[in-house]
Protein backbone atom coordinates (compact mmCIF):
# COMPACT_ATOMS: atom_id res chain seq x y z
CA MET A 1 46.18 -45.52 -50.26
CA ALA A 2 47.35 -45.36 -46.69
CA SER A 3 44.87 -44.74 -43.89
CA LEU A 4 45.19 -43.00 -40.55
CA SER A 5 45.00 -46.30 -38.70
CA ARG A 6 48.24 -47.40 -40.36
CA PHE A 7 50.22 -44.69 -38.62
CA LEU A 8 48.20 -43.99 -35.50
CA PRO A 9 46.63 -46.43 -33.04
CA LEU A 10 42.87 -46.77 -33.00
CA LEU A 11 41.94 -44.40 -30.23
CA ALA A 12 38.86 -44.92 -28.09
CA VAL A 13 37.00 -42.06 -26.46
CA ALA A 14 38.42 -41.40 -23.01
CA THR A 15 35.75 -42.21 -20.48
CA ALA A 16 37.78 -42.13 -17.32
CA THR A 17 39.72 -39.28 -15.82
CA LEU A 18 43.46 -39.79 -16.03
CA ALA A 19 45.43 -39.89 -12.80
CA CYS A 20 46.63 -36.45 -11.83
CA GLU A 21 50.32 -35.69 -11.51
CA THR A 22 51.40 -36.57 -7.99
CA SER A 23 53.37 -33.43 -7.22
CA SER A 24 52.77 -29.73 -7.60
CA VAL A 25 54.73 -27.81 -10.19
CA THR A 26 56.39 -25.50 -7.72
CA GLY A 27 56.80 -27.92 -4.84
CA GLY A 28 59.88 -29.64 -6.24
CA LEU A 29 62.08 -26.57 -6.66
CA SER A 30 65.29 -26.27 -4.68
CA GLY A 31 68.63 -24.51 -4.77
CA GLY A 32 69.60 -20.84 -5.10
CA GLY A 33 67.44 -18.01 -6.35
CA GLY A 34 64.50 -16.06 -5.03
CA ALA A 35 64.52 -13.13 -2.63
CA GLY A 36 67.61 -14.04 -0.63
CA GLY A 37 69.76 -15.99 -3.10
CA GLY A 38 71.27 -15.84 -6.52
CA ALA A 39 69.70 -15.95 -9.94
CA PRO A 40 67.67 -17.43 -11.53
CA SER A 41 64.59 -16.89 -9.42
CA SER A 42 62.25 -19.68 -8.37
CA SER A 43 59.74 -18.52 -10.99
CA GLN A 44 62.38 -18.58 -13.74
CA ARG A 45 63.47 -22.08 -12.75
CA THR A 46 59.85 -23.19 -12.86
CA GLU A 47 59.40 -21.82 -16.39
CA LEU A 48 62.57 -23.54 -17.63
CA MET A 49 61.56 -26.80 -15.98
CA LEU A 50 58.06 -26.75 -17.49
CA ALA A 51 59.44 -25.99 -20.96
CA MET A 52 61.96 -28.82 -20.78
CA GLU A 53 59.46 -31.31 -19.38
CA ASP A 54 57.09 -30.40 -22.21
CA GLU A 55 59.87 -30.95 -24.76
CA VAL A 56 60.66 -34.40 -23.34
CA GLU A 57 57.00 -35.38 -23.77
CA SER A 58 56.98 -34.01 -27.32
CA THR A 59 60.13 -36.00 -28.08
CA VAL A 60 58.58 -39.25 -26.85
CA SER A 61 55.64 -38.77 -29.22
CA ALA A 62 58.06 -38.52 -32.17
CA LEU A 63 59.92 -41.78 -31.56
CA THR A 64 57.74 -44.35 -33.36
CA LEU A 65 54.72 -42.66 -35.05
CA PHE A 66 52.50 -44.36 -32.49
CA ALA A 67 50.63 -41.09 -31.84
CA PRO A 68 52.70 -38.30 -33.39
CA GLY A 69 51.86 -34.73 -32.49
CA VAL A 70 50.22 -35.44 -29.13
CA PRO A 71 51.73 -36.02 -25.68
CA PRO A 72 51.83 -39.52 -24.16
CA SER A 73 48.45 -40.68 -22.78
CA PHE A 74 46.47 -38.12 -24.80
CA VAL A 75 43.34 -39.85 -26.11
CA ALA A 76 40.76 -38.30 -28.42
CA ALA A 77 38.48 -40.03 -30.91
CA THR A 78 38.81 -39.20 -34.64
CA CYS A 79 41.87 -37.04 -33.99
CA PRO A 80 43.80 -36.15 -36.07
CA THR A 81 42.48 -36.37 -39.58
CA ALA A 82 44.99 -37.78 -42.05
CA GLY A 83 45.47 -36.74 -45.64
CA SER A 84 45.93 -39.37 -48.32
CA SER A 85 49.32 -40.91 -48.97
CA THR A 86 51.03 -43.98 -50.35
CA ASP A 87 53.46 -46.38 -48.68
CA THR A 88 55.30 -47.98 -51.56
CA ASP A 89 57.93 -49.71 -49.42
CA THR A 90 55.31 -50.94 -46.91
CA ASP A 91 57.36 -49.90 -43.88
CA GLY A 92 54.43 -48.23 -42.12
CA ILE A 93 55.67 -44.70 -42.94
CA PRO A 94 53.68 -42.58 -45.40
CA GLU A 95 55.65 -41.13 -48.28
CA SER A 96 54.00 -37.79 -47.54
CA GLN A 97 50.97 -37.36 -45.31
CA THR A 98 49.57 -34.34 -43.49
CA LEU A 99 47.95 -34.88 -40.10
CA THR A 100 45.54 -32.09 -39.19
CA PHE A 101 44.64 -31.40 -35.56
CA ALA A 102 41.66 -29.25 -34.58
CA ASP A 103 39.75 -28.60 -31.36
CA PRO A 104 37.25 -30.24 -31.50
CA PRO A 105 37.78 -33.20 -31.81
CA CYS A 106 41.40 -32.97 -30.55
CA HIS A 107 40.35 -32.19 -26.99
CA MET A 108 40.55 -34.19 -23.80
CA THR A 109 39.27 -33.62 -20.28
CA GLY A 110 40.92 -35.08 -17.22
CA PHE A 111 44.40 -34.56 -18.64
CA ARG A 112 46.69 -33.67 -15.71
CA GLY A 113 43.52 -32.83 -13.83
CA GLY A 114 42.38 -30.28 -16.43
CA ASP A 115 41.74 -29.91 -20.15
CA PHE A 116 44.12 -30.39 -23.07
CA SER A 117 43.78 -29.65 -26.78
CA VAL A 118 45.91 -29.86 -29.91
CA ALA A 119 45.68 -27.75 -33.07
CA GLY A 120 47.82 -27.32 -36.17
CA THR A 121 49.42 -29.67 -38.70
CA LEU A 122 52.16 -32.27 -38.77
CA LEU A 123 53.63 -33.50 -42.06
CA VAL A 124 55.03 -37.05 -41.98
CA GLU A 125 57.46 -37.97 -44.77
CA ASP A 126 59.36 -41.17 -45.49
CA THR A 127 62.99 -40.18 -46.07
CA ALA A 128 64.29 -43.62 -47.09
CA LEU A 129 62.02 -45.50 -49.48
CA THR A 130 63.28 -48.96 -48.64
CA ALA A 131 61.45 -51.52 -46.54
CA ASP A 132 64.42 -52.17 -44.23
CA THR A 133 65.06 -48.50 -43.34
CA THR A 134 62.59 -46.69 -41.09
CA SER A 135 63.61 -43.05 -41.40
CA TYR A 136 61.20 -40.17 -41.50
CA ARG A 137 60.87 -36.42 -41.16
CA LEU A 138 58.24 -34.60 -39.09
CA THR A 139 57.46 -31.00 -40.06
CA TYR A 140 55.53 -29.02 -37.47
CA THR A 141 53.39 -26.10 -38.65
CA ASP A 142 51.78 -24.08 -35.85
CA LEU A 143 51.25 -27.29 -33.89
CA ALA A 144 49.91 -26.00 -30.58
CA TRP A 145 49.50 -27.84 -27.29
CA THR A 146 47.16 -26.06 -24.88
CA GLY A 147 46.73 -27.28 -21.34
CA THR A 148 44.71 -25.81 -18.49
CA ASP A 149 44.42 -26.80 -14.86
CA PRO A 150 42.12 -25.49 -12.11
CA ALA A 151 44.94 -23.81 -10.17
CA ALA A 152 46.47 -22.35 -13.37
CA THR A 153 49.95 -23.32 -12.11
CA ARG A 154 50.81 -25.06 -15.37
CA THR A 155 48.24 -23.60 -17.79
CA PHE A 156 50.04 -22.97 -21.09
CA THR A 157 50.07 -23.01 -24.87
CA ALA A 158 53.20 -24.22 -26.65
CA THR A 159 53.23 -23.73 -30.44
CA ARG A 160 55.89 -25.56 -32.46
CA ASN A 161 57.26 -24.87 -35.92
CA GLY A 162 60.19 -26.73 -37.41
CA VAL A 163 61.53 -30.16 -38.22
CA ARG A 164 62.47 -33.42 -36.54
CA GLY A 165 64.43 -35.98 -38.55
CA ARG A 166 64.43 -39.61 -37.40
CA THR A 167 66.71 -42.56 -38.11
CA ALA A 168 66.30 -45.83 -36.26
CA THR A 169 66.88 -49.53 -35.87
CA GLU A 170 64.76 -51.99 -33.91
CA VAL A 171 66.74 -51.06 -30.79
CA THR A 172 67.70 -47.39 -31.15
CA VAL A 173 66.17 -44.12 -32.34
CA ASN A 174 68.02 -40.91 -33.16
CA LEU A 175 66.28 -37.57 -33.67
CA LYS A 176 67.77 -34.33 -35.01
CA ASP A 177 65.53 -31.43 -33.97
CA SER A 178 65.38 -27.84 -35.15
CA LEU A 179 62.32 -26.17 -33.64
CA LYS A 180 60.96 -22.74 -32.82
CA ILE A 181 58.58 -22.83 -29.87
CA VAL A 182 56.38 -20.04 -28.52
CA ARG A 183 55.20 -20.61 -24.97
CA VAL A 184 52.25 -18.56 -23.66
CA ARG A 185 51.61 -18.57 -19.93
CA PRO A 186 49.06 -16.60 -17.84
CA SER A 187 50.29 -13.22 -16.53
CA ARG A 188 53.70 -13.62 -18.18
CA ALA A 189 55.35 -12.33 -21.32
CA ASN A 190 55.48 -14.84 -24.17
CA THR A 191 58.63 -16.96 -24.41
CA ASN A 192 60.35 -17.61 -27.74
CA ILE A 193 62.59 -20.68 -27.81
CA ASP A 194 64.97 -21.72 -30.57
CA LEU A 195 65.80 -25.38 -29.98
CA SER A 196 68.54 -27.37 -31.69
CA THR A 197 69.02 -30.82 -30.18
CA THR A 198 70.10 -34.39 -30.79
CA VAL A 199 68.00 -37.06 -29.10
CA SER A 200 69.10 -40.67 -28.63
CA PHE A 201 66.81 -43.46 -27.41
CA VAL A 202 67.92 -47.03 -26.63
CA ALA A 203 65.30 -49.69 -25.88
CA ASP A 204 65.81 -51.93 -22.86
CA VAL A 205 64.99 -55.01 -24.95
CA ASP A 206 66.32 -55.76 -28.44
CA ASP A 207 63.97 -55.85 -31.41
CA THR A 208 61.18 -53.84 -29.72
CA VAL A 209 61.21 -50.47 -31.54
CA ARG A 210 58.39 -50.64 -34.07
CA VAL A 211 56.88 -47.98 -36.30
CA GLY A 212 53.24 -47.49 -35.33
CA GLN A 213 53.63 -49.12 -31.92
CA SER A 214 54.10 -47.35 -28.60
CA PRO A 215 57.74 -46.80 -27.58
CA PRO A 216 59.12 -49.56 -25.35
CA SER A 217 60.87 -48.82 -22.07
CA GLY A 218 64.38 -47.51 -22.54
CA SER A 219 66.84 -44.69 -21.93
CA LEU A 220 66.71 -41.23 -23.50
CA THR A 221 69.30 -38.47 -23.83
CA ILE A 222 68.85 -34.92 -25.09
CA ASP A 223 71.82 -32.72 -25.94
CA GLY A 224 72.08 -29.39 -27.75
CA THR A 225 71.24 -25.72 -27.30
CA MET A 226 68.25 -23.59 -26.43
CA GLN A 227 67.96 -19.86 -27.03
CA TRP A 228 65.44 -18.49 -24.52
CA GLN A 229 63.93 -15.05 -25.12
CA ARG A 230 61.23 -13.51 -22.93
CA SER A 231 60.90 -9.77 -22.40
CA SER A 232 64.39 -8.68 -21.25
CA GLU A 233 65.54 -12.32 -20.85
CA ASN A 234 67.83 -13.51 -23.65
CA TRP A 235 69.76 -16.61 -22.60
CA THR A 236 71.89 -19.07 -24.55
CA ILE A 237 71.56 -22.41 -22.75
CA THR A 238 73.43 -25.66 -23.29
CA ILE A 239 71.35 -28.81 -22.78
CA ALA A 240 73.01 -32.04 -21.63
CA THR A 241 71.93 -35.36 -20.11
CA PRO A 242 74.56 -36.47 -17.59
CA THR A 243 72.26 -39.24 -16.35
CA PRO A 244 70.07 -40.77 -19.11
CA LEU A 245 66.34 -40.37 -18.65
CA VAL A 246 64.57 -43.64 -17.93
CA TYR A 247 61.41 -43.93 -20.02
CA ASP A 248 58.89 -46.30 -18.39
CA SER A 249 56.31 -47.52 -20.89
CA THR A 250 54.17 -48.97 -18.08
CA CYS A 251 53.28 -45.47 -16.82
CA THR A 252 50.20 -45.40 -19.01
CA THR A 253 48.03 -43.01 -16.96
CA THR A 254 50.34 -40.01 -17.18
CA PRO A 255 52.15 -38.05 -19.89
CA GLN A 256 55.16 -37.79 -17.55
CA ARG A 257 56.67 -41.25 -18.08
CA ILE A 258 60.26 -40.56 -17.01
CA SER A 259 61.06 -42.41 -13.78
CA ASP A 260 64.72 -41.40 -13.33
CA GLY A 261 67.51 -39.29 -14.80
CA GLU A 262 68.85 -35.75 -15.08
CA VAL A 263 68.99 -32.98 -17.67
CA THR A 264 71.22 -29.96 -17.14
CA LEU A 265 70.68 -26.46 -18.51
CA SER A 266 73.96 -24.53 -18.39
CA GLY A 267 74.73 -20.91 -19.13
CA THR A 268 74.42 -17.37 -17.89
CA ILE A 269 70.81 -17.13 -16.78
CA SER A 270 69.41 -13.94 -15.27
CA GLY A 271 72.92 -12.59 -14.76
CA ASP A 272 74.31 -15.65 -12.98
CA THR A 273 76.49 -18.30 -14.63
CA GLY A 274 75.82 -21.85 -13.54
CA VAL A 275 73.84 -25.03 -14.04
CA LEU A 276 70.15 -25.77 -13.55
CA THR A 277 69.78 -29.50 -12.89
CA LEU A 278 66.39 -31.07 -13.59
CA THR A 279 66.01 -34.38 -11.76
CA TRP A 280 63.28 -36.90 -12.51
CA SER A 281 62.55 -39.42 -9.75
CA SER A 282 59.23 -41.09 -10.55
CA CYS A 283 56.71 -41.30 -13.37
CA GLY A 284 53.80 -38.92 -12.86
CA VAL A 285 55.98 -36.57 -10.81
CA ASP A 286 57.41 -33.30 -12.11
CA PRO A 287 61.20 -33.06 -12.00
CA THR A 288 62.89 -30.97 -9.34
CA ALA A 289 64.99 -27.97 -10.42
CA ALA A 290 68.15 -27.07 -8.52
CA TRP A 291 70.46 -24.17 -9.45
CA ALA A 292 74.20 -24.18 -8.76
CA SER A 293 76.30 -21.11 -9.55
CA ASN A 294 79.74 -21.64 -11.01
CA PRO A 295 82.56 -20.98 -8.51
């Protein structure tokens, strides 16, 4: 029988407060929008940026089964609980195992300067029962991330349902994602997101991608579509990565481990057709969001 420790690292209770993010959520916004410019507004750009940043962190946690279902740097003892499973091909991937998250114990203080909890279930399934093929499927069922901060600027709950399918070598990882995400934010209507993306990760060093071990440093691209629905907002958005995101595995005190790169969100957003460019510049720092209308 497989045990939780085979698929998740042994987590110690967090006794020190994690380093806070080094920039405010709204401080990095630039470009058009707001009272005197074009659409989308500064608030809308912030919401899109937060949703995309959250998705990048969720993607990282799916790469290697190191700590699936939780964002990078989340630490909580005895979380999650793992159902029984077998691993006939001994590749470190359960043939079928349900991970159950509940608060408590899936709760952490000092996460981005506030509290963070995880609830719901994640089914891990081996999709290639051979020892030399490390493919798996992750099925999310009401898997909710809830984060609070004292200023409430990024307080949220994001609940995921859907599937991620993974194929990989010891250098590359490819994910095919089909997810429905409900984002709840204070004093705002709920946002419903339909996400269909392809994710590619390439390690900086050969032979370093290992199931059950933390992802190595490397480059990450996300491409696909996002349907964004909130109140009267109903936007079809194309996601692209013109400059690959640089994942820095040494940024261990923050869930935001992207040190460089750009993601673009293109479409007609709030009545204006153009491109929202999200630019990462340093780990621990939220990306900036700049809007450019099409000529």
